[in-house]
Amino acid sequence: MSDLQQLEQLEHEISKYMEGLNNDLKKEFEKYLKEVIQKAYIQGKNTMLSDFLTIKQIAVRLGVSDRRALALAQKAHDNYGVGVQIGGMWLFLEAELKLLQPAKQAGRPSKK
């Protein structure tokens, strides 16, 4: 059952409790209930989309160039199956960011 279907079922369940109300009050309540359900559904979708990071955002977070971030993203996708490419744009979840970390420099540590 989809989220929207679950919300519609919830609306139906709540409407059972409104049977004792007069018609004008009942219609007004149903109107506001539908509005709340629609706003909750849209807010949920927007929140879900805001959890994704673009290549530019990843580059800033990791302190690398956009080109390097893209290479890291493609490698992480190939190795771990994370991220999704939509219309040429890569999107990663915040939780997947740790899999995109660049490898530490190989070789002898610098003298400092």
Foldseek 3Di string as FASTA:
>chain_A
DDPLVVLVVVLVVVLVVCVPPDPVVSVVVSVVSVVVSVVVVVVVVVVVVVQKDWLVRLCVVQVHDSVLSVVLQVVLCVVPVAWDADPNTTIGGPVCSVSSHDDDDDDDDDDD
